[in-house]
Amino acid sequence: MKCIKAIKASKEAQIGEIKRVDDRTAQNMVGSYWQYISKSEWKSATRKPVETVNDQITDAVTVSEKQLKRKKSK
């Protein structure tokens, strides 16, 4: 599998479009309209960044839950 990027606009692709295709297809496509790119560039373009959980909200909830548990046990 190879990663290719469009360098010229055509009917099938816009400039900057990235595709992952098999070796034979890539060999036929690369030329004046497509160029090879690294797999890491393809990964960064196709994968969404992981959202981090806001720790402050989580900490506030756990503190209030702990306080409720203490009140119930007394």
Protein backbone atom coordinates (compact mmCIF):
# COMPACT_ATOMS: atom_id res chain seq x y z
CA MET A 1 0.00 0.00 0.00
CA LYS A 2 1.19 3.47 -0.90
CA CYS A 3 0.00 6.94 0.07
CA ILE A 4 -0.42 9.53 -2.66
CA LYS A 5 -1.46 13.17 -2.74
CA ALA A 6 -3.04 15.13 -5.57
CA ILE A 7 -0.84 18.00 -6.78
CA LYS A 8 -3.15 19.15 -9.58
CA ALA A 9 -6.94 19.35 -9.71
CA SER A 10 -8.80 16.92 -11.94
CA LYS A 11 -12.34 15.57 -12.32
CA GLU A 12 -11.69 12.86 -9.74
CA ALA A 13 -9.65 14.78 -7.15
CA GLN A 14 -9.03 18.20 -5.63
CA ILE A 15 -5.57 19.61 -4.89
CA GLY A 16 -4.25 18.17 -1.63
CA GLU A 17 -6.55 15.12 -1.55
CA ILE A 18 -4.79 12.14 0.01
CA LYS A 19 -5.46 8.50 -0.87
CA ARG A 20 -4.05 5.16 0.20
CA VAL A 21 -3.94 2.72 -2.72
CA ASP A 22 -2.21 -0.54 -3.63
CA ASP A 23 1.25 -0.48 -5.21
CA ARG A 24 0.19 -1.04 -8.82
CA THR A 25 -2.49 1.66 -8.75
CA ALA A 26 -0.06 4.10 -7.15
CA GLN A 27 2.58 3.38 -9.77
CA ASN A 28 0.05 4.15 -12.53
CA MET A 29 -1.29 7.31 -10.85
CA VAL A 30 1.96 9.00 -9.76
CA GLY A 31 3.18 11.51 -12.28
CA SER A 32 1.94 14.96 -13.20
CA TYR A 33 -1.24 14.77 -11.05
CA TRP A 34 -0.19 12.69 -8.02
CA GLN A 35 2.91 12.36 -5.83
CA TYR A 36 4.01 9.91 -3.13
CA ILE A 37 3.75 11.01 0.52
CA SER A 38 4.68 9.41 3.82
CA LYS A 39 2.28 7.22 5.74
CA SER A 40 2.53 9.52 8.78
CA GLU A 41 1.22 12.42 6.67
CA TRP A 42 -1.71 10.23 5.56
CA LYS A 43 -2.40 9.24 9.18
CA SER A 44 -2.42 12.83 10.41
CA ALA A 45 -4.82 13.86 7.63
CA THR A 46 -7.29 10.99 8.04
CA ARG A 47 -7.38 10.42 11.79
CA LYS A 48 -9.18 12.70 14.20
CA PRO A 49 -7.27 13.92 17.25
CA VAL A 50 -8.28 12.31 20.54
CA GLU A 51 -10.17 14.69 22.79
CA THR A 52 -8.89 14.92 26.34
CA VAL A 53 -11.28 14.73 29.26
CA ASN A 54 -11.39 17.86 31.35
CA ASP A 55 -9.87 16.72 34.67
CA GLN A 56 -11.20 19.68 36.64
CA ILE A 57 -14.83 18.70 36.09
CA THR A 58 -14.08 15.07 36.94
CA ASP A 59 -12.27 16.08 40.15
CA ALA A 60 -15.16 18.31 41.25
CA VAL A 61 -17.66 15.49 40.77
CA THR A 62 -15.59 12.98 42.68
CA VAL A 63 -15.06 15.39 45.59
CA SER A 64 -18.78 16.05 45.90
CA GLU A 65 -19.52 12.31 45.65
CA LYS A 66 -17.03 11.62 48.45
CA GLN A 67 -18.67 14.29 50.63
CA LEU A 68 -22.10 12.72 50.07
CA LYS A 69 -20.78 9.29 51.01
CA ARG A 70 -19.29 10.68 54.23
CA LYS A 71 -22.58 12.35 55.19
CA LYS A 72 -24.54 9.14 54.54
CA SER A 73 -22.17 6.99 56.61
CA LYS A 74 -22.41 9.24 59.70
